[in-house]
Protein backbone atom coordinates (compact mmCIF):
# COMPACT_ATOMS: atom_id res chain seq x y z
CA MET A 1 0.17 -0.13 -0.25
CA VAL A 2 1.54 3.07 -0.80
CA SER A 3 1.69 5.34 2.07
CA CYS A 4 -0.23 8.90 1.29
CA GLU A 5 -1.01 12.34 3.18
CA VAL A 6 -3.22 15.14 1.50
CA LEU A 7 -2.81 18.69 1.41
CA ARG A 8 -5.65 21.14 1.57
CA LEU A 9 -4.80 24.16 -0.39
CA GLY A 10 -7.26 27.00 -0.22
CA HIS A 11 -9.88 25.77 2.41
CA ARG A 12 -12.02 28.78 3.01
CA PRO A 13 -13.46 28.11 6.35
CA GLU A 14 -16.81 29.86 5.91
CA ARG A 15 -17.51 28.61 2.42
CA ASP A 16 -15.59 25.18 2.55
CA LYS A 17 -16.29 23.61 5.38
CA ARG A 18 -18.47 20.84 4.17
CA ILE A 19 -16.17 19.81 1.35
CA THR A 20 -12.96 20.23 3.45
CA THR A 21 -14.67 17.82 5.67
CA HIS A 22 -15.83 15.42 3.11
CA VAL A 23 -12.39 15.69 1.70
CA ALA A 24 -10.95 14.78 5.11
CA LEU A 25 -13.50 12.05 5.40
CA THR A 26 -12.33 10.50 2.13
CA ALA A 27 -8.66 10.84 2.74
CA ARG A 28 -9.20 8.78 5.91
CA ALA A 29 -11.63 5.95 4.57
CA PHE A 30 -9.52 5.57 1.75
CA GLY A 31 -6.09 4.72 3.04
CA ALA A 32 -4.29 8.51 3.51
CA ASN A 33 -2.38 8.65 6.89
CA LYS A 34 -3.10 11.96 7.58
CA ILE A 35 -4.50 15.66 5.97
CA HIS A 36 -2.72 18.56 6.13
CA LEU A 37 -5.19 22.32 5.75
CA ASN A 38 -3.35 25.41 5.08
CA ARG A 39 -6.09 27.50 6.84
CA PRO A 40 -6.92 26.09 10.64
CA ASP A 41 -10.65 25.13 10.96
CA SER A 42 -11.32 24.12 14.47
CA ARG A 43 -14.82 22.29 13.59
CA ILE A 44 -12.96 20.20 11.14
CA VAL A 45 -10.58 19.22 13.15
CA LYS A 46 -13.37 17.94 15.97
CA THR A 47 -15.47 16.62 13.22
CA ILE A 48 -12.61 13.78 12.06
CA SER A 49 -11.06 13.40 15.29
CA ASP A 50 -14.79 12.69 16.81
CA VAL A 51 -14.89 10.23 13.86
CA SER A 52 -11.80 8.75 14.56
CA GLU A 53 -12.75 7.95 17.82
CA LYS A 54 -16.08 6.17 17.24
CA PHE A 55 -14.85 4.19 14.41
CA GLY A 56 -11.32 3.68 15.03
CA GLY A 57 -7.95 4.59 13.19
CA ASN A 58 -4.92 6.82 13.35
CA PHE A 59 -5.75 9.49 11.02
CA ILE A 60 -4.02 12.85 11.72
CA ILE A 61 -5.35 16.16 10.52
CA GLU A 62 -2.93 19.24 11.09
CA THR A 63 -2.57 22.90 9.85
CA VAL A 64 0.29 23.91 7.71
CA SER A 65 1.79 27.50 8.16
CA ASN A 66 3.17 27.75 4.90
CA PRO A 67 2.13 25.43 2.37
CA LYS A 68 4.87 26.24 -0.38
CA SER A 69 7.77 25.82 1.93
CA PHE A 70 6.18 22.51 3.41
CA VAL A 71 5.64 21.28 -0.33
CA GLN A 72 8.80 22.04 -1.11
CA LYS A 73 10.18 19.82 2.07
CA TRP A 74 8.38 16.96 1.12
CA LYS A 75 10.25 13.76 0.83
CA GLY A 76 8.63 11.73 -1.63
CA ASN A 77 6.48 12.04 -4.66
CA ILE A 78 4.18 14.83 -5.20
CA LEU A 79 0.33 14.20 -7.15
CA HIS A 80 -1.44 17.18 -7.76
CA LEU A 81 -5.11 16.08 -8.62
CA THR A 82 -6.13 18.95 -11.33
CA MET A 83 -8.70 18.63 -14.42
CA PHE A 84 -6.30 20.12 -16.46
CA GLY A 85 -3.71 17.45 -15.83
CA ILE A 86 -3.20 14.46 -17.75
CA PRO A 87 -5.15 11.11 -17.07
CA LEU A 88 -4.49 9.61 -13.97
CA ASN A 89 -4.66 5.87 -15.57
CA GLU A 90 -1.32 7.15 -17.55
CA LYS A 91 0.73 7.63 -14.81
CA LEU A 92 -0.53 4.93 -12.21
CA GLY A 93 1.53 2.56 -12.45
CA VAL A 94 4.74 4.59 -12.14
CA ILE A 95 2.91 6.06 -8.95
CA THR A 96 2.17 2.90 -7.65
CA LYS A 97 5.53 1.16 -7.83
CA SER A 98 7.15 4.15 -5.95
CA LYS A 99 7.99 3.39 -2.76
CA GLU A 100 8.00 7.10 -1.85
CA PRO A 101 5.76 8.64 0.71
CA LEU A 102 3.22 10.42 -1.64
CA LEU A 103 1.50 13.81 -0.89
CA ILE A 104 -1.79 14.27 -3.07
CA ILE A 105 -2.27 18.05 -3.35
CA VAL A 106 -6.49 19.08 -3.44
CA GLY A 107 -6.87 22.17 -4.10
CA ALA A 108 -10.61 24.04 -3.03
CA GLU A 109 -9.87 27.51 -5.07
CA LYS A 110 -7.77 28.08 -8.30
CA VAL A 111 -4.21 26.86 -7.17
CA PRO A 112 -1.19 29.28 -7.40
CA PRO A 113 1.36 28.25 -9.95
CA TRP A 114 3.81 27.00 -7.90
CA VAL A 115 1.75 23.76 -7.22
CA PHE A 116 1.80 22.93 -10.62
CA GLU A 117 5.58 23.58 -10.76
CA CYS A 118 6.28 21.40 -7.37
CA SER A 119 4.43 18.19 -8.31
CA ASP A 120 5.80 15.41 -9.77
CA TYR A 121 2.58 14.36 -11.20
CA ASN A 122 -0.30 17.14 -12.37
CA VAL A 123 -3.06 14.41 -12.69
CA ALA A 124 -6.58 14.46 -13.75
CA VAL A 125 -9.64 11.70 -13.19
CA GLY A 126 -11.63 13.85 -15.77
CA ASN A 127 -11.07 17.17 -17.90
CA GLN A 128 -14.34 18.60 -17.15
CA PRO A 129 -15.60 20.47 -13.87
CA HIS A 130 -15.98 18.07 -10.64
CA SER A 131 -15.77 17.21 -7.27
CA GLU A 132 -12.53 17.22 -5.72
CA VAL A 133 -14.15 14.79 -2.97
CA SER A 134 -14.90 12.59 -6.37
CA ALA A 135 -11.63 13.12 -7.64
CA LEU A 136 -9.61 12.20 -4.07
CA ALA A 137 -11.50 9.38 -4.12
CA ILE A 138 -11.39 7.65 -6.75
CA THR A 139 -7.42 8.34 -7.25
CA LEU A 140 -7.13 6.90 -3.44
CA SER A 141 -8.97 4.27 -4.58
CA LYS A 142 -6.34 3.50 -7.63
CA ILE A 143 -3.58 3.81 -5.79
CA ASN A 144 -4.47 1.66 -3.10
CA PRO A 145 -7.52 -0.46 -3.91
CA GLU A 146 -7.47 -2.43 -0.86
CA GLY A 147 -7.41 1.09 1.51
CA CYS A 148 -11.31 1.63 1.24
CA GLU A 149 -11.95 -1.58 2.64
CA GLN A 150 -9.45 -1.53 5.28
CA SER A 151 -10.13 -2.07 8.88
CA PHE A 152 -9.74 0.33 11.62
CA ASP A 153 -8.49 -0.45 15.23
CA GLY A 154 -9.72 1.15 18.44
CA GLY A 155 -13.17 2.43 17.34
CA LEU A 156 -15.96 2.45 19.82
CA LEU A 157 -18.18 1.22 16.85
CA GLU A 158 -17.95 -0.83 13.63
CA VAL A 159 -20.31 -1.21 11.20
CA ILE A 160 -21.46 -4.65 9.94
CA PRO A 161 -21.97 -5.01 6.43
CA SER A 162 -25.66 -5.88 5.65
CA SER A 163 -27.51 -5.48 2.22
CA GLU A 164 -30.97 -4.97 4.54
CA ARG A 165 -30.38 -2.47 7.12
CA ARG A 166 -27.90 -0.28 9.00
CA ASN A 167 -26.28 -2.61 11.33
CA MET A 168 -23.43 -1.40 13.80
CA ILE A 169 -22.00 -3.04 17.31
CA SER A 170 -20.74 -1.03 19.77
CA LYS A 171 -17.39 -2.25 20.99
CA GLU A 172 -17.13 -0.37 24.57
């Protein structure tokens, strides 16, 4: 499994809180280890911490004060999700074979040019406007197919798959 972290660029707390929360939930559920926000938002930190406590796992959410410096110092590969990029499938083999940690950059608004310049891969899951949440989910599911089926240790609740009803058990 490729070790992945996500950098959410351009988070605007009043406008993007739901979408950024969904980006973080998607990152967690599909196998990323951590998400970095370039603007602090205690509501998102609390929501994601609550989900991890209830459902388990060691997902980390933190704020990065200088995203450009953070990206420039990253030790590993950098994948920027952009609808202007080349198709993800064209680079998927190279990305999944690498043993280097992967930073996936997900923008909330128009990203600055340095993001394209610093990224090893500027890729798209489609060249039409679409949700960054869907782009991240598709990307993570292709990079780490087992990620969406992973189990999370330490949670208070466990979902029991059922085709007939909602089913959870308490592990307290």
